Amino acid sequence: MAKAYQRVLLKVSGEFFDSHGVHLDPERFKKLATMIAAMLHRNVQVAVVLGAGNICRGNQLASLGVDQVVADHMGMLATIINALALKDTLLQYQLPAEVCSALSVPSVANQYVRDDALSLLMNDFVVICAGGTGNPLVTTDSAAVLRAIELGADVVLKATKVDGVYSDDPKKKSKRGTFFAFVVRRCHKEFF
């Protein structure tokens, strides 16, 4: 059977890692690692963008009075925590993985550089893109689409509770606000 995709970008909501009040549930990381392993065993290259709603949500902090830019930086840092947890889990499964961060944290993660990330993918590493785009006021869904385009992904597999990428909060606006016509596959049932 021929594989459908050579390279995928998997976007996983931070909420996936929160289970019964455990914000970094090891079993959830293991479940994701198992799914990634199945893709790798089919010779599919995998890049991952993680949200951080299990740890910190920039918009919620902003509603509590934290400056929006500061709150978003806190959210980007939280994505690095999730990325490190996923990398550790993948390494336990003996799957090569690297964290590439849009924020500079050299003692913790590689700086995201497109050509370096491509080289890792071509050498069978799982590339975990953290830190969003490195800019506040941008969602991790947007970062996922950006990284997918940069890395030449065949598809974005979106495992979140939201069924697309929107220009506004889809819970507050109509779904006519979709701004990206990139292929989005929904993995919701597999994850939640």
Protein backbone atom coordinates (compact mmCIF):
# COMPACT_ATOMS: atom_id res chain seq x y z
CA MET A 1 0.00 0.00 0.00
CA ALA A 2 1.42 3.39 -0.99
CA LYS A 3 1.70 6.01 1.71
CA ALA A 4 -0.55 9.02 1.30
CA TYR A 5 1.94 11.59 2.59
CA GLN A 6 5.72 11.83 2.71
CA ARG A 7 5.88 14.66 5.25
CA VAL A 8 3.22 15.71 7.75
CA LEU A 9 2.87 18.54 10.22
CA LEU A 10 0.97 17.41 13.28
CA LYS A 11 -0.64 20.20 15.33
CA VAL A 12 -1.64 19.02 18.81
CA SER A 13 -3.60 21.10 21.26
CA GLY A 14 -2.06 21.55 24.69
CA GLU A 15 -5.40 20.48 26.12
CA PHE A 16 -4.62 16.95 24.94
CA PHE A 17 -1.86 16.64 27.55
CA ASP A 18 -4.15 17.67 30.44
CA SER A 19 -5.98 14.67 31.84
CA HIS A 20 -8.03 14.66 35.02
CA GLY A 21 -6.20 17.67 36.43
CA VAL A 22 -2.73 16.36 35.56
CA HIS A 23 -1.41 19.11 33.29
CA LEU A 24 1.46 17.03 31.87
CA ASP A 25 -0.03 13.54 31.85
CA PRO A 26 2.73 11.08 30.87
CA GLU A 27 0.16 8.68 29.45
CA ARG A 28 -1.00 11.32 26.97
CA PHE A 29 2.59 11.92 25.83
CA LYS A 30 3.04 8.15 25.43
CA LYS A 31 -0.15 7.94 23.36
CA LEU A 32 1.10 10.68 21.05
CA ALA A 33 4.54 9.04 20.81
CA THR A 34 2.91 5.76 19.78
CA MET A 35 0.97 7.53 17.02
CA ILE A 36 4.11 9.29 15.79
CA ALA A 37 6.01 5.98 15.85
CA ALA A 38 3.37 4.46 13.58
CA MET A 39 3.88 7.28 11.07
CA LEU A 40 7.67 6.96 11.23
CA HIS A 41 7.46 3.20 10.66
CA ARG A 42 5.63 3.99 7.40
CA ASN A 43 8.58 6.24 6.44
CA VAL A 44 6.59 9.42 6.92
CA GLN A 45 8.57 12.45 8.07
CA VAL A 46 6.92 14.13 11.06
CA ALA A 47 7.06 17.69 12.32
CA VAL A 48 4.97 18.66 15.34
CA VAL A 49 3.63 21.96 16.66
CA LEU A 50 2.21 21.83 20.18
CA GLY A 51 -0.14 24.20 21.90
CA ALA A 52 0.19 24.90 25.61
CA GLY A 53 -3.37 25.30 26.85
CA ASN A 54 -2.66 22.67 29.48
CA ILE A 55 -0.15 25.00 31.14
CA CYS A 56 -0.86 28.57 30.11
CA ARG A 57 -3.24 30.42 27.79
CA GLY A 58 -2.15 33.89 26.77
CA ASN A 59 -5.69 35.15 26.19
CA GLN A 60 -6.82 33.98 29.65
CA LEU A 61 -3.87 35.68 31.33
CA ALA A 62 -4.61 38.86 29.39
CA SER A 63 -8.21 38.78 30.60
CA LEU A 64 -6.82 38.72 34.16
CA GLY A 65 -4.86 41.91 33.56
CA VAL A 66 -1.53 40.60 32.28
CA ASP A 67 -0.28 42.62 29.30
CA GLN A 68 -1.26 40.70 26.12
CA VAL A 69 2.29 40.61 24.75
CA VAL A 70 3.68 39.36 28.07
CA ALA A 71 0.88 36.80 28.33
CA ASP A 72 1.62 35.52 24.82
CA HIS A 73 5.32 35.22 25.61
CA MET A 74 4.38 33.14 28.65
CA GLY A 75 2.26 30.91 26.38
CA MET A 76 5.16 30.51 23.94
CA LEU A 77 7.43 29.45 26.79
CA ALA A 78 4.81 26.91 27.87
CA THR A 79 4.92 25.33 24.39
CA ILE A 80 8.61 24.70 24.98
CA ILE A 81 7.77 22.80 28.18
CA ASN A 82 5.37 20.57 26.24
CA ALA A 83 7.93 20.14 23.46
CA LEU A 84 10.60 19.01 25.92
CA ALA A 85 8.18 16.52 27.48
CA LEU A 86 7.34 15.11 24.04
CA LYS A 87 10.99 14.90 23.05
CA ASP A 88 11.81 13.03 26.25
CA THR A 89 8.96 10.59 25.62
CA LEU A 90 10.01 10.00 22.00
CA LEU A 91 13.59 9.35 23.11
CA GLN A 92 12.29 6.79 25.63
CA TYR A 93 10.72 5.05 22.63
CA GLN A 94 14.12 5.34 20.88
CA LEU A 95 12.73 7.69 18.27
CA PRO A 96 15.12 10.50 17.34
CA ALA A 97 13.64 13.92 18.08
CA GLU A 98 14.76 17.51 18.38
CA VAL A 99 13.06 20.62 19.69
CA CYS A 100 13.44 23.65 17.43
CA SER A 101 12.23 26.83 19.11
CA ALA A 102 11.26 30.15 17.58
CA LEU A 103 12.34 31.67 20.90
CA SER A 104 16.04 31.58 21.68
CA VAL A 105 16.70 29.20 24.56
CA PRO A 106 20.03 27.68 23.49
CA SER A 107 20.65 25.59 26.59
CA VAL A 108 17.26 23.89 26.15
CA ALA A 109 16.37 23.76 22.45
CA ASN A 110 17.77 24.40 19.01
CA GLN A 111 16.89 27.73 17.42
CA TYR A 112 14.29 27.12 14.70
CA VAL A 113 16.05 27.50 11.36
CA ARG A 114 14.16 26.16 8.35
CA ASP A 115 17.13 24.48 6.66
CA ASP A 116 18.23 22.81 9.92
CA ALA A 117 14.70 21.54 10.53
CA LEU A 118 14.52 20.17 6.98
CA SER A 119 17.84 18.40 7.45
CA LEU A 120 16.58 16.81 10.66
CA LEU A 121 13.39 15.63 8.93
CA MET A 122 15.38 14.12 6.07
CA ASN A 123 17.49 12.27 8.65
CA ASP A 124 14.39 10.69 10.21
CA PHE A 125 14.16 12.96 13.26
CA VAL A 126 10.84 14.12 14.61
CA VAL A 127 11.06 17.91 14.57
CA ILE A 128 9.11 19.50 17.41
CA CYS A 129 8.56 23.16 16.59
CA ALA A 130 8.09 25.15 19.79
CA GLY A 131 7.65 28.79 20.73
CA GLY A 132 4.93 29.43 18.17
CA THR A 133 6.16 31.83 15.51
CA GLY A 134 8.27 33.69 18.06
CA ASN A 135 5.86 36.60 17.89
CA PRO A 136 3.04 37.52 20.26
CA LEU A 137 -0.55 37.87 19.04
CA VAL A 138 -0.27 34.77 16.83
CA THR A 139 -1.85 31.40 17.63
CA THR A 140 -0.09 28.04 17.52
CA ASP A 141 -2.56 27.05 14.78
CA SER A 142 -1.09 29.85 12.68
CA ALA A 143 2.41 28.70 13.61
CA ALA A 144 1.52 25.17 12.50
CA VAL A 145 0.40 26.33 9.07
CA LEU A 146 3.48 28.56 8.71
CA ARG A 147 5.85 25.71 9.63
CA ALA A 148 3.99 23.30 7.33
CA ILE A 149 4.48 25.63 4.39
CA GLU A 150 8.13 26.32 5.26
CA LEU A 151 8.89 22.62 5.67
CA GLY A 152 6.98 21.50 2.59
CA ALA A 153 4.51 19.34 4.50
CA ASP A 154 1.97 17.48 2.40
CA VAL A 155 -0.74 17.95 5.02
CA VAL A 156 -1.49 19.48 8.40
CA LEU A 157 -3.04 16.93 10.76
CA LYS A 158 -4.83 19.07 13.30
CA ALA A 159 -5.62 17.41 16.62
CA THR A 160 -7.51 20.13 18.44
CA LYS A 161 -11.08 20.90 19.43
CA VAL A 162 -11.30 23.56 16.70
CA ASP A 163 -12.01 22.36 13.15
CA GLY A 164 -9.93 24.88 11.20
CA VAL A 165 -7.64 27.90 11.34
CA TYR A 166 -9.49 31.17 11.83
CA SER A 167 -8.80 34.89 11.70
CA ASP A 168 -10.88 35.39 14.88
CA ASP A 169 -11.90 33.28 17.86
CA PRO A 170 -14.22 30.68 16.23
CA LYS A 171 -16.25 30.45 19.45
CA LYS A 172 -17.13 34.13 19.12
CA LYS A 173 -17.26 34.61 15.32
CA SER A 174 -18.89 32.74 12.48
CA LYS A 175 -16.81 30.11 10.73
CA ARG A 176 -16.73 32.35 7.66
CA GLY A 177 -13.55 33.85 9.13
CA THR A 178 -11.35 31.04 7.84
CA PHE A 179 -8.23 32.66 6.41
CA PHE A 180 -6.10 29.79 5.21
CA ALA A 181 -7.06 27.38 2.45
CA PHE A 182 -4.33 24.93 3.41
CA VAL A 183 -5.28 21.28 3.75
CA VAL A 184 -6.33 20.57 7.32
CA ARG A 185 -7.19 17.06 8.47
CA ARG A 186 -8.90 16.72 11.78
CA CYS A 187 -7.64 14.15 14.27
CA HIS A 188 -10.07 15.15 17.00
CA LYS A 189 -11.66 11.72 17.49
CA GLU A 190 -8.26 10.05 17.78
CA PHE A 191 -7.12 12.40 20.53
CA PHE A 192 -10.09 13.61 22.55
